Structure formats: structure tokens, C-alpha cells
């Protein structure tokens, strides 16, 4: 039996002093759902969905009920989930009304279509979700939430969700629903969730480059290398990851990066930036 681990992030961005406590508390609360799943021998897939759902429900974070507004004042939410054991993927783009886009994405895991956008995603979402009653208008939404977990069976999973970019063009798509860009999971190598400038992350196919680096260098160095890649095009962001052997790593070049970590053999930790 393998020791479990779960790590989550609440977005790579600058936090004002009054945002620090809500971010700490919200992350700790969200992680508690993943801890319950994994400590009870639940799956990594169940854990990442549970954590991301909690982050979507918390308007502190730019996902679900805390989504940003686009240029027309509307909401367009993206989410994704991936099973490291089977390489199954589910992703949705441009949801307007689903309260928990990550659950809609999970519904696609065994579907022939792994990505749905726009009207098709909305129709599919009706099977899974109640409507969002309201969404908080954010001043500078440009981040995501994400979670990576390894369960007692040694399987990995990742889930991501975003409320989009404040004032973004209608139809704009960032890295969150693009496999190999904002997320990836493979039991044989590792799993990663990325947050930050979506266009920069997508141009660099950052998640897949990180996963490939895990084949030759240790996780912390791979995380640092991934973040440095963003410097080439002036991008800002952060990543969280779990390697195949359960090693956890995270890094960022943004002013803050809310990250929570919990392990079977250690207490829950929440950080607002990487310790020196």
C-alpha cells in the first residue's frame, strides 16, 4: 500500500493583504475534502474532483462561483480532469451556468469526445449541474484552481478549473482545458496542474514539457525549469505536481501562489508563496 498525497493551488497572482486570510482558510477547507477521500482509501480522481469542487464553491477563487467577467460582462468557465492510470481526459470550454465545471469535465472521462465547448458543453452540463445563482465580479481575474493527488493504490490524477480572464474576449480559451498545456497526468511519470498566463503556458506546452523533464531530472528541478521557461516570453505562473514515486513539488514566478499540501504522514500545510 502506498502513502497518499494531495496538493492544490488557488491561482498564481498578487494577493492584497485582506485576501490572504480568505485564501489560507479556503485552501485548508478545500484540502480537507481530499484528505477525507484519500485517507479512506478513495481514488485520486475522487480526491481531485472533491478539492476542486470546494474551490469552485468558494468565491475567493477565480473558478465556479468566483468566476471573472468577460468583455461582455458574462461568464465563461473552463475545466479539465485526467486519470493518470488510463490517460482518460475530460474537458469543457466556455460554460456559462454550471456551478461545478470540474464535475461536468469528469462526466466526459469515458466519453468518446474528450473536450466539449460552447453549446455542446452546456447541453452536456445539464446532466450534472445546478445553475450558478451568482458570480462575484473580480477586479483582475487571470488565475485558476487545480489539484493533483496520488492515492493509496499509487494512481495519479489532476483537475483544473478557471473562471477565465477579467475582460477577456468572448470565446477566449486559455491553457486550462488543453491537455499538455495547463495539465497532464500519467502514472508512469507524474501529474501537474499549472496556473498563470494561459496564452504563455499554451505556447510552451508547459505541462508536457514538465512531464518529460521528470524522466531525467528530479521533480523540484523540473518545476524550477518549467517556471523559467515562462521567462522566455514574459509569462507569469506557477505549478504544482506529484511525481510517480509520490514526491511533491511546486514553484512559481508570480508574486503569490496559494498552495496547500497534505500527506498521509504529515499535517496539512498552506503557503501563499514558496518558502525561501
C-alpha atoms as a PDB file:
ATOM      1  CA  UNK A   1       0.000   0.000   0.000  1.00  0.00           C
ATOM      2  CA  UNK A   2       1.305   3.456  -0.974  1.00  0.00           C
ATOM      3  CA  UNK A   3       1.134   6.579   1.158  1.00  0.00           C
ATOM      4  CA  UNK A   4      -1.251   9.119  -0.305  1.00  0.00           C
ATOM      5  CA  UNK A   5      -0.582  12.797  -1.036  1.00  0.00           C
ATOM      6  CA  UNK A   6      -2.667  15.719  -2.292  1.00  0.00           C
ATOM      7  CA  UNK A   7      -1.572  19.194  -3.365  1.00  0.00           C
ATOM      8  CA  UNK A   8      -3.770  22.055  -4.590  1.00  0.00           C
ATOM      9  CA  UNK A   9      -3.388  25.643  -5.729  1.00  0.00           C
ATOM     10  CA  UNK A  10      -5.654  28.676  -5.778  1.00  0.00           C
ATOM     11  CA  UNK A  11      -4.021  30.606  -8.587  1.00  0.00           C
ATOM     12  CA  UNK A  12      -0.780  32.401  -9.416  1.00  0.00           C
ATOM     13  CA  UNK A  13      -1.397  36.105  -8.813  1.00  0.00           C
ATOM     14  CA  UNK A  14      -0.779  39.029  -6.484  1.00  0.00           C
ATOM     15  CA  UNK A  15      -2.759  38.998  -3.244  1.00  0.00           C
ATOM     16  CA  UNK A  16      -3.789  42.106  -1.358  1.00  0.00           C
ATOM     17  CA  UNK A  17      -3.335  41.843   2.432  1.00  0.00           C
ATOM     18  CA  UNK A  18      -7.072  41.424   3.006  1.00  0.00           C
ATOM     19  CA  UNK A  19      -7.133  38.446   0.611  1.00  0.00           C
ATOM     20  CA  UNK A  20      -4.502  36.425   2.453  1.00  0.00           C
ATOM     21  CA  UNK A  21      -6.654  35.039   5.243  1.00  0.00           C
ATOM     22  CA  UNK A  22      -9.572  34.012   2.964  1.00  0.00           C
ATOM     23  CA  UNK A  23      -7.129  32.268   0.654  1.00  0.00           C
ATOM     24  CA  UNK A  24      -5.493  30.367   3.509  1.00  0.00           C
ATOM     25  CA  UNK A  25      -8.818  29.363   5.030  1.00  0.00           C
ATOM     26  CA  UNK A  26     -10.409  28.456   1.714  1.00  0.00           C
ATOM     27  CA  UNK A  27      -7.484  26.298   0.678  1.00  0.00           C
ATOM     28  CA  UNK A  28      -7.396  24.466   4.010  1.00  0.00           C
ATOM     29  CA  UNK A  29     -11.137  23.787   3.798  1.00  0.00           C
ATOM     30  CA  UNK A  30     -10.899  22.533   0.222  1.00  0.00           C
ATOM     31  CA  UNK A  31      -7.998  20.216   1.015  1.00  0.00           C
ATOM     32  CA  UNK A  32      -9.959  18.673   3.874  1.00  0.00           C
ATOM     33  CA  UNK A  33     -12.250  17.061   1.281  1.00  0.00           C
ATOM     34  CA  UNK A  34      -9.312  15.447  -0.479  1.00  0.00           C
ATOM     35  CA  UNK A  35      -7.865  14.238   2.815  1.00  0.00           C
ATOM     36  CA  UNK A  36     -11.128  12.503   3.673  1.00  0.00           C
ATOM     37  CA  UNK A  37     -11.202  10.714   0.330  1.00  0.00           C
ATOM     38  CA  UNK A  38      -7.580   9.584   0.320  1.00  0.00           C
ATOM     39  CA  UNK A  39      -7.349   8.618   3.984  1.00  0.00           C
ATOM     40  CA  UNK A  40     -10.358   6.345   3.427  1.00  0.00           C
ATOM     41  CA  UNK A  41      -8.623   4.574   0.524  1.00  0.00           C
ATOM     42  CA  UNK A  42     -10.577   6.576  -2.055  1.00  0.00           C
ATOM     43  CA  UNK A  43      -9.263   7.251  -5.543  1.00  0.00           C
ATOM     44  CA  UNK A  44      -7.080  10.096  -6.700  1.00  0.00           C
ATOM     45  CA  UNK A  45      -9.813  11.008  -9.203  1.00  0.00           C
ATOM     46  CA  UNK A  46     -12.401  11.377  -6.439  1.00  0.00           C
ATOM     47  CA  UNK A  47      -9.954  13.434  -4.387  1.00  0.00           C
ATOM     48  CA  UNK A  48      -9.037  15.978  -7.074  1.00  0.00           C
ATOM     49  CA  UNK A  49     -12.668  16.441  -8.061  1.00  0.00           C
ATOM     50  CA  UNK A  50     -13.710  16.978  -4.440  1.00  0.00           C
ATOM     51  CA  UNK A  51     -10.976  19.551  -3.788  1.00  0.00           C
ATOM     52  CA  UNK A  52     -11.611  21.499  -6.988  1.00  0.00           C
ATOM     53  CA  UNK A  53     -15.371  21.476  -6.387  1.00  0.00           C
ATOM     54  CA  UNK A  54     -14.745  23.089  -2.991  1.00  0.00           C
ATOM     55  CA  UNK A  55     -12.515  25.732  -4.579  1.00  0.00           C
ATOM     56  CA  UNK A  56     -15.198  26.398  -7.217  1.00  0.00           C
ATOM     57  CA  UNK A  57     -17.771  26.865  -4.464  1.00  0.00           C
ATOM     58  CA  UNK A  58     -15.576  29.447  -2.694  1.00  0.00           C
ATOM     59  CA  UNK A  59     -15.873  32.885  -4.332  1.00  0.00           C
ATOM     60  CA  UNK A  60     -12.396  33.732  -3.035  1.00  0.00           C
ATOM     61  CA  UNK A  61     -11.010  31.869  -6.031  1.00  0.00           C
ATOM     62  CA  UNK A  62     -11.443  32.506  -9.751  1.00  0.00           C
ATOM     63  CA  UNK A  63     -13.472  29.420 -10.633  1.00  0.00           C
ATOM     64  CA  UNK A  64     -17.125  28.423 -10.436  1.00  0.00           C
ATOM     65  CA  UNK A  65     -18.912  30.863  -8.149  1.00  0.00           C
ATOM     66  CA  UNK A  66     -15.906  33.196  -8.058  1.00  0.00           C
ATOM     67  CA  UNK A  67     -15.561  33.462 -11.846  1.00  0.00           C
ATOM     68  CA  UNK A  68     -14.318  36.571 -13.607  1.00  0.00           C
ATOM     69  CA  UNK A  69     -16.417  38.533 -16.113  1.00  0.00           C
ATOM     70  CA  UNK A  70     -15.527  38.669 -19.789  1.00  0.00           C
ATOM     71  CA  UNK A  71     -15.653  41.745 -22.023  1.00  0.00           C
ATOM     72  CA  UNK A  72     -19.438  41.464 -22.333  1.00  0.00           C
ATOM     73  CA  UNK A  73     -19.973  41.045 -18.597  1.00  0.00           C
ATOM     74  CA  UNK A  74     -20.707  37.333 -18.932  1.00  0.00           C
ATOM     75  CA  UNK A  75     -19.080  34.211 -17.561  1.00  0.00           C
ATOM     76  CA  UNK A  76     -17.128  31.587 -19.500  1.00  0.00           C
ATOM     77  CA  UNK A  77     -15.715  28.778 -17.379  1.00  0.00           C
ATOM     78  CA  UNK A  78     -13.290  26.032 -18.404  1.00  0.00           C
ATOM     79  CA  UNK A  79     -12.330  22.882 -16.527  1.00  0.00           C
ATOM     80  CA  UNK A  80     -10.448  19.637 -17.039  1.00  0.00           C
ATOM     81  CA  UNK A  81      -9.641  16.363 -15.313  1.00  0.00           C
ATOM     82  CA  UNK A  82      -7.287  13.496 -16.191  1.00  0.00           C
ATOM     83  CA  UNK A  83      -6.789   9.967 -14.907  1.00  0.00           C
ATOM     84  CA  UNK A  84      -3.103   9.031 -14.745  1.00  0.00           C
ATOM     85  CA  UNK A  85      -3.879   5.309 -14.790  1.00  0.00           C
ATOM     86  CA  UNK A  86      -5.890   5.234 -18.018  1.00  0.00           C
ATOM     87  CA  UNK A  87      -4.918   8.582 -19.592  1.00  0.00           C
ATOM     88  CA  UNK A  88      -8.629   9.361 -19.862  1.00  0.00           C
ATOM     89  CA  UNK A  89      -9.330  13.098 -20.217  1.00  0.00           C
ATOM     90  CA  UNK A  90     -12.434  15.215 -19.820  1.00  0.00           C
ATOM     91  CA  UNK A  91     -12.519  18.947 -20.521  1.00  0.00           C
ATOM     92  CA  UNK A  92     -15.172  21.611 -21.050  1.00  0.00           C
ATOM     93  CA  UNK A  93     -14.838  25.085 -22.526  1.00  0.00           C
ATOM     94  CA  UNK A  94     -16.976  28.190 -22.150  1.00  0.00           C
ATOM     95  CA  UNK A  95     -19.583  27.009 -19.649  1.00  0.00           C
ATOM     96  CA  UNK A  96     -21.904  29.799 -18.534  1.00  0.00           C
ATOM     97  CA  UNK A  97     -24.197  28.197 -15.977  1.00  0.00           C
ATOM     98  CA  UNK A  98     -22.617  25.136 -14.345  1.00  0.00           C
ATOM     99  CA  UNK A  99     -21.866  25.573 -10.665  1.00  0.00           C
ATOM    100  CA  UNK A 100     -19.088  22.971 -10.710  1.00  0.00           C
ATOM    101  CA  UNK A 101     -17.461  22.718 -14.148  1.00  0.00           C
ATOM    102  CA  UNK A 102     -14.961  20.122 -12.908  1.00  0.00           C
ATOM    103  CA  UNK A 103     -17.786  17.627 -12.366  1.00  0.00           C
ATOM    104  CA  UNK A 104     -19.022  18.243 -15.908  1.00  0.00           C
ATOM    105  CA  UNK A 105     -15.497  17.587 -17.159  1.00  0.00           C
ATOM    106  CA  UNK A 106     -15.344  14.341 -15.205  1.00  0.00           C
ATOM    107  CA  UNK A 107     -18.522  13.214 -16.913  1.00  0.00           C
ATOM    108  CA  UNK A 108     -16.550  13.127 -20.167  1.00  0.00           C
ATOM    109  CA  UNK A 109     -13.813  10.798 -18.921  1.00  0.00           C
ATOM    110  CA  UNK A 110     -15.342   7.698 -20.513  1.00  0.00           C
ATOM    111  CA  UNK A 111     -16.920   9.551 -23.437  1.00  0.00           C
ATOM    112  CA  UNK A 112     -15.572   9.338 -26.983  1.00  0.00           C
ATOM    113  CA  UNK A 113     -15.377  13.140 -27.066  1.00  0.00           C
ATOM    114  CA  UNK A 114     -12.823  14.298 -24.524  1.00  0.00           C
ATOM    115  CA  UNK A 115     -13.383  18.052 -24.996  1.00  0.00           C
ATOM    116  CA  UNK A 116     -16.711  19.877 -25.430  1.00  0.00           C
ATOM    117  CA  UNK A 117     -17.137  23.611 -25.997  1.00  0.00           C
ATOM    118  CA  UNK A 118     -19.901  26.189 -26.033  1.00  0.00           C
ATOM    119  CA  UNK A 119     -23.456  24.997 -26.598  1.00  0.00           C
ATOM    120  CA  UNK A 120     -22.424  21.352 -26.649  1.00  0.00           C
ATOM    121  CA  UNK A 121     -20.768  21.711 -23.268  1.00  0.00           C
ATOM    122  CA  UNK A 122     -23.834  23.488 -21.870  1.00  0.00           C
ATOM    123  CA  UNK A 123     -26.174  20.721 -23.034  1.00  0.00           C
ATOM    124  CA  UNK A 124     -23.890  18.081 -21.572  1.00  0.00           C
ATOM    125  CA  UNK A 125     -23.646  20.041 -18.300  1.00  0.00           C
ATOM    126  CA  UNK A 126     -27.397  19.848 -17.786  1.00  0.00           C
ATOM    127  CA  UNK A 127     -26.960  16.187 -16.823  1.00  0.00           C
ATOM    128  CA  UNK A 128     -24.708  17.068 -13.911  1.00  0.00           C
ATOM    129  CA  UNK A 129     -25.185  20.561 -12.556  1.00  0.00           C
ATOM    130  CA  UNK A 130     -27.468  23.070 -10.978  1.00  0.00           C
ATOM    131  CA  UNK A 131     -27.181  26.607 -12.341  1.00  0.00           C
ATOM    132  CA  UNK A 132     -24.857  29.201 -10.882  1.00  0.00           C
ATOM    133  CA  UNK A 133     -27.021  31.619  -8.926  1.00  0.00           C
ATOM    134  CA  UNK A 134     -24.468  34.415  -8.949  1.00  0.00           C
ATOM    135  CA  UNK A 135     -20.807  35.047  -9.634  1.00  0.00           C
ATOM    136  CA  UNK A 136     -18.537  37.501  -7.933  1.00  0.00           C
ATOM    137  CA  UNK A 137     -17.169  40.279 -10.149  1.00  0.00           C
ATOM    138  CA  UNK A 138     -13.393  40.187  -9.760  1.00  0.00           C
ATOM    139  CA  UNK A 139     -11.007  43.054 -10.309  1.00  0.00           C
ATOM    140  CA  UNK A 140      -8.265  41.105 -12.100  1.00  0.00           C
ATOM    141  CA  UNK A 141      -9.208  37.507 -12.696  1.00  0.00           C
ATOM    142  CA  UNK A 142      -6.398  35.709 -14.527  1.00  0.00           C
ATOM    143  CA  UNK A 143      -5.812  32.622 -12.476  1.00  0.00           C
ATOM    144  CA  UNK A 144      -7.105  29.100 -11.963  1.00  0.00           C
ATOM    145  CA  UNK A 145      -7.520  26.469  -9.304  1.00  0.00           C
ATOM    146  CA  UNK A 146      -6.101  22.988  -9.520  1.00  0.00           C
ATOM    147  CA  UNK A 147      -5.370  19.810  -7.623  1.00  0.00           C
ATOM    148  CA  UNK A 148      -3.059  16.820  -8.043  1.00  0.00           C
ATOM    149  CA  UNK A 149      -3.284  13.640  -5.980  1.00  0.00           C
ATOM    150  CA  UNK A 150      -1.748  10.204  -5.568  1.00  0.00           C
ATOM    151  CA  UNK A 151      -3.878   7.580  -3.862  1.00  0.00           C
ATOM    152  CA  UNK A 152      -3.056   4.504  -1.789  1.00  0.00           C
ATOM    153  CA  UNK A 153      -3.016   2.367  -4.928  1.00  0.00           C
ATOM    154  CA  UNK A 154      -0.322   4.615  -6.416  1.00  0.00           C
ATOM    155  CA  UNK A 155      -2.563   6.154  -9.070  1.00  0.00           C
ATOM    156  CA  UNK A 156      -2.338   9.834 -10.030  1.00  0.00           C
ATOM    157  CA  UNK A 157      -4.981  12.342 -11.134  1.00  0.00           C
ATOM    158  CA  UNK A 158      -5.230  16.057 -11.845  1.00  0.00           C
ATOM    159  CA  UNK A 159      -8.135  18.501 -12.090  1.00  0.00           C
ATOM    160  CA  UNK A 160      -8.189  22.191 -13.033  1.00  0.00           C
ATOM    161  CA  UNK A 161     -10.857  24.883 -13.259  1.00  0.00           C
ATOM    162  CA  UNK A 162     -10.966  28.566 -14.139  1.00  0.00           C
ATOM    163  CA  UNK A 163     -13.400  31.438 -14.318  1.00  0.00           C
ATOM    164  CA  UNK A 164     -11.370  32.990 -17.110  1.00  0.00           C
ATOM    165  CA  UNK A 165      -9.636  36.294 -17.630  1.00  0.00           C
ATOM    166  CA  UNK A 166     -11.250  39.516 -16.448  1.00  0.00           C
ATOM    167  CA  UNK A 167     -12.424  41.449 -19.531  1.00  0.00           C
ATOM    168  CA  UNK A 168     -11.393  38.668 -21.921  1.00  0.00           C
ATOM    169  CA  UNK A 169     -12.686  38.469 -25.482  1.00  0.00           C
ATOM    170  CA  UNK A 170     -15.790  36.338 -25.845  1.00  0.00           C
ATOM    171  CA  UNK A 171     -14.697  32.834 -26.769  1.00  0.00           C
ATOM    172  CA  UNK A 172     -11.151  33.215 -25.482  1.00  0.00           C
ATOM    173  CA  UNK A 173      -9.625  29.876 -24.384  1.00  0.00           C
ATOM    174  CA  UNK A 174      -6.574  29.600 -22.154  1.00  0.00           C
ATOM    175  CA  UNK A 175      -4.471  26.652 -21.054  1.00  0.00           C
ATOM    176  CA  UNK A 176      -6.886  25.008 -18.580  1.00  0.00           C
ATOM    177  CA  UNK A 177      -8.807  22.714 -20.984  1.00  0.00           C
ATOM    178  CA  UNK A 178      -5.813  21.967 -23.239  1.00  0.00           C
ATOM    179  CA  UNK A 179      -4.062  18.650 -22.434  1.00  0.00           C
ATOM    180  CA  UNK A 180      -0.316  19.059 -22.142  1.00  0.00           C
ATOM    181  CA  UNK A 181      -0.629  22.794 -21.603  1.00  0.00           C
ATOM    182  CA  UNK A 182      -2.304  23.510 -18.263  1.00  0.00           C
ATOM    183  CA  UNK A 183      -2.491  19.917 -17.017  1.00  0.00           C
ATOM    184  CA  UNK A 184      -1.386  16.342 -17.515  1.00  0.00           C
ATOM    185  CA  UNK A 185      -1.304  13.080 -15.535  1.00  0.00           C
ATOM    186  CA  UNK A 186       0.497   9.817 -16.204  1.00  0.00           C
ATOM    187  CA  UNK A 187       1.051   7.189 -13.515  1.00  0.00           C
ATOM    188  CA  UNK A 188       4.366   6.284 -15.133  1.00  0.00           C
ATOM    189  CA  UNK A 189       5.823   9.792 -14.797  1.00  0.00           C
ATOM    190  CA  UNK A 190       3.776  12.251 -12.751  1.00  0.00           C
ATOM    191  CA  UNK A 191       0.897  14.716 -12.715  1.00  0.00           C
ATOM    192  CA  UNK A 192       0.875  18.521 -12.895  1.00  0.00           C
ATOM    193  CA  UNK A 193      -1.517  21.475 -12.728  1.00  0.00           C
ATOM    194  CA  UNK A 194      -0.435  24.920 -13.908  1.00  0.00           C
ATOM    195  CA  UNK A 195      -1.800  28.431 -13.304  1.00  0.00           C
ATOM    196  CA  UNK A 196      -0.937  31.806 -14.778  1.00  0.00           C
ATOM    197  CA  UNK A 197      -0.831  33.480 -18.189  1.00  0.00           C
ATOM    198  CA  UNK A 198      -2.824  30.999 -20.238  1.00  0.00           C
ATOM    199  CA  UNK A 199      -1.529  32.035 -23.636  1.00  0.00           C
ATOM    200  CA  UNK A 200       2.095  31.793 -22.484  1.00  0.00           C
ATOM    201  CA  UNK A 201       1.514  28.397 -20.874  1.00  0.00           C
ATOM    202  CA  UNK A 202      -0.159  27.092 -24.046  1.00  0.00           C
ATOM    203  CA  UNK A 203       2.607  28.370 -26.337  1.00  0.00           C
ATOM    204  CA  UNK A 204       5.164  26.472 -24.299  1.00  0.00           C
ATOM    205  CA  UNK A 205       3.053  23.296 -23.938  1.00  0.00           C
ATOM    206  CA  UNK A 206       4.302  23.674 -20.383  1.00  0.00           C
ATOM    207  CA  UNK A 207       2.665  20.699 -18.680  1.00  0.00           C
ATOM    208  CA  UNK A 208       4.002  18.187 -21.192  1.00  0.00           C
ATOM    209  CA  UNK A 209       7.494  19.678 -21.139  1.00  0.00           C
ATOM    210  CA  UNK A 210       7.478  19.359 -17.350  1.00  0.00           C
ATOM    211  CA  UNK A 211       6.323  15.731 -17.505  1.00  0.00           C
ATOM    212  CA  UNK A 212       9.088  14.905 -19.990  1.00  0.00           C
ATOM    213  CA  UNK A 213      11.676  16.544 -17.748  1.00  0.00           C
ATOM    214  CA  UNK A 214      10.639  14.221 -14.910  1.00  0.00           C
ATOM    215  CA  UNK A 215      12.214  11.378 -16.899  1.00  0.00           C
ATOM    216  CA  UNK A 216      15.694  12.840 -16.472  1.00  0.00           C
ATOM    217  CA  UNK A 217      15.748  15.280 -13.541  1.00  0.00           C
ATOM    218  CA  UNK A 218      14.302  15.314 -10.035  1.00  0.00           C
ATOM    219  CA  UNK A 219      10.875  16.946  -9.508  1.00  0.00           C
ATOM    220  CA  UNK A 220      11.955  20.185  -7.807  1.00  0.00           C
ATOM    221  CA  UNK A 221      14.472  20.955 -10.528  1.00  0.00           C
ATOM    222  CA  UNK A 222      11.890  20.121 -13.179  1.00  0.00           C
ATOM    223  CA  UNK A 223       9.425  22.544 -11.569  1.00  0.00           C
ATOM    224  CA  UNK A 224      12.007  25.320 -11.497  1.00  0.00           C
ATOM    225  CA  UNK A 225      12.929  24.656 -15.111  1.00  0.00           C
ATOM    226  CA  UNK A 226       9.274  24.858 -16.159  1.00  0.00           C
ATOM    227  CA  UNK A 227       8.800  28.215 -14.455  1.00  0.00           C
ATOM    228  CA  UNK A 228      11.992  29.568 -16.035  1.00  0.00           C
ATOM    229  CA  UNK A 229      10.623  28.603 -19.447  1.00  0.00           C
ATOM    230  CA  UNK A 230       7.939  31.257 -18.908  1.00  0.00           C
ATOM    231  CA  UNK A 231      10.625  33.929 -18.737  1.00  0.00           C
ATOM    232  CA  UNK A 232      11.354  33.440 -22.443  1.00  0.00           C
ATOM    233  CA  UNK A 233       8.050  35.054 -23.377  1.00  0.00           C
ATOM    234  CA  UNK A 234       7.482  37.173 -20.284  1.00  0.00           C
ATOM    235  CA  UNK A 235       4.893  34.828 -18.806  1.00  0.00           C
ATOM    236  CA  UNK A 236       3.857  34.587 -15.170  1.00  0.00           C
ATOM    237  CA  UNK A 237       2.654  31.459 -13.456  1.00  0.00           C
ATOM    238  CA  UNK A 238       3.109  28.574 -11.089  1.00  0.00           C
ATOM    239  CA  UNK A 239       2.752  24.812 -10.993  1.00  0.00           C
ATOM    240  CA  UNK A 240       2.061  22.013  -8.552  1.00  0.00           C
ATOM    241  CA  UNK A 241       2.972  18.409  -9.193  1.00  0.00           C
ATOM    242  CA  UNK A 242       3.332  14.895  -7.824  1.00  0.00           C
ATOM    243  CA  UNK A 243       5.893  12.537  -9.326  1.00  0.00           C
ATOM    244  CA  UNK A 244       5.237   8.847  -9.904  1.00  0.00           C
ATOM    245  CA  UNK A 245       7.021   7.966  -6.659  1.00  0.00           C
ATOM    246  CA  UNK A 246       4.895  10.412  -4.650  1.00  0.00           C
ATOM    247  CA  UNK A 247       7.423  13.248  -4.436  1.00  0.00           C
ATOM    248  CA  UNK A 248       5.696  16.644  -4.303  1.00  0.00           C
ATOM    249  CA  UNK A 249       6.995  19.846  -5.871  1.00  0.00           C
ATOM    250  CA  UNK A 250       5.785  23.342  -6.679  1.00  0.00           C
ATOM    251  CA  UNK A 251       7.244  26.598  -7.938  1.00  0.00           C
ATOM    252  CA  UNK A 252       6.140  29.981  -9.277  1.00  0.00           C
ATOM    253  CA  UNK A 253       7.384  33.356 -10.535  1.00  0.00           C
ATOM    254  CA  UNK A 254       4.192  35.213  -9.625  1.00  0.00           C
ATOM    255  CA  UNK A 255       4.080  37.453  -6.521  1.00  0.00           C
ATOM    256  CA  UNK A 256       1.902  34.914  -4.711  1.00  0.00           C
ATOM    257  CA  UNK A 257       0.783  31.331  -5.298  1.00  0.00           C
ATOM    258  CA  UNK A 258      -1.671  29.844  -2.800  1.00  0.00           C
ATOM    259  CA  UNK A 259      -0.679  26.200  -2.331  1.00  0.00           C
ATOM    260  CA  UNK A 260      -1.903  23.568   0.113  1.00  0.00           C
ATOM    261  CA  UNK A 261      -0.264  20.187   0.695  1.00  0.00           C
ATOM    262  CA  UNK A 262      -1.365  17.194   2.761  1.00  0.00           C
ATOM    263  CA  UNK A 263       0.286  13.790   3.157  1.00  0.00           C
ATOM    264  CA  UNK A 264      -0.580  10.604   4.976  1.00  0.00           C
ATOM    265  CA  UNK A 265       2.404  11.127   7.279  1.00  0.00           C
ATOM    266  CA  UNK A 266       2.345  14.930   7.733  1.00  0.00           C
ATOM    267  CA  UNK A 267      -0.111  17.667   8.722  1.00  0.00           C
ATOM    268  CA  UNK A 268      -1.795  19.953   6.235  1.00  0.00           C
ATOM    269  CA  UNK A 269       0.250  22.989   5.145  1.00  0.00           C
ATOM    270  CA  UNK A 270      -0.896  26.128   3.335  1.00  0.00           C
ATOM    271  CA  UNK A 271       1.514  28.627   1.768  1.00  0.00           C
ATOM    272  CA  UNK A 272       0.883  31.897  -0.056  1.00  0.00           C
ATOM    273  CA  UNK A 273       4.305  31.816  -1.715  1.00  0.00           C
ATOM    274  CA  UNK A 274       7.209  29.422  -1.933  1.00  0.00           C
ATOM    275  CA  UNK A 275       9.303  29.336   1.254  1.00  0.00           C
ATOM    276  CA  UNK A 276      12.784  30.811   0.802  1.00  0.00           C
END
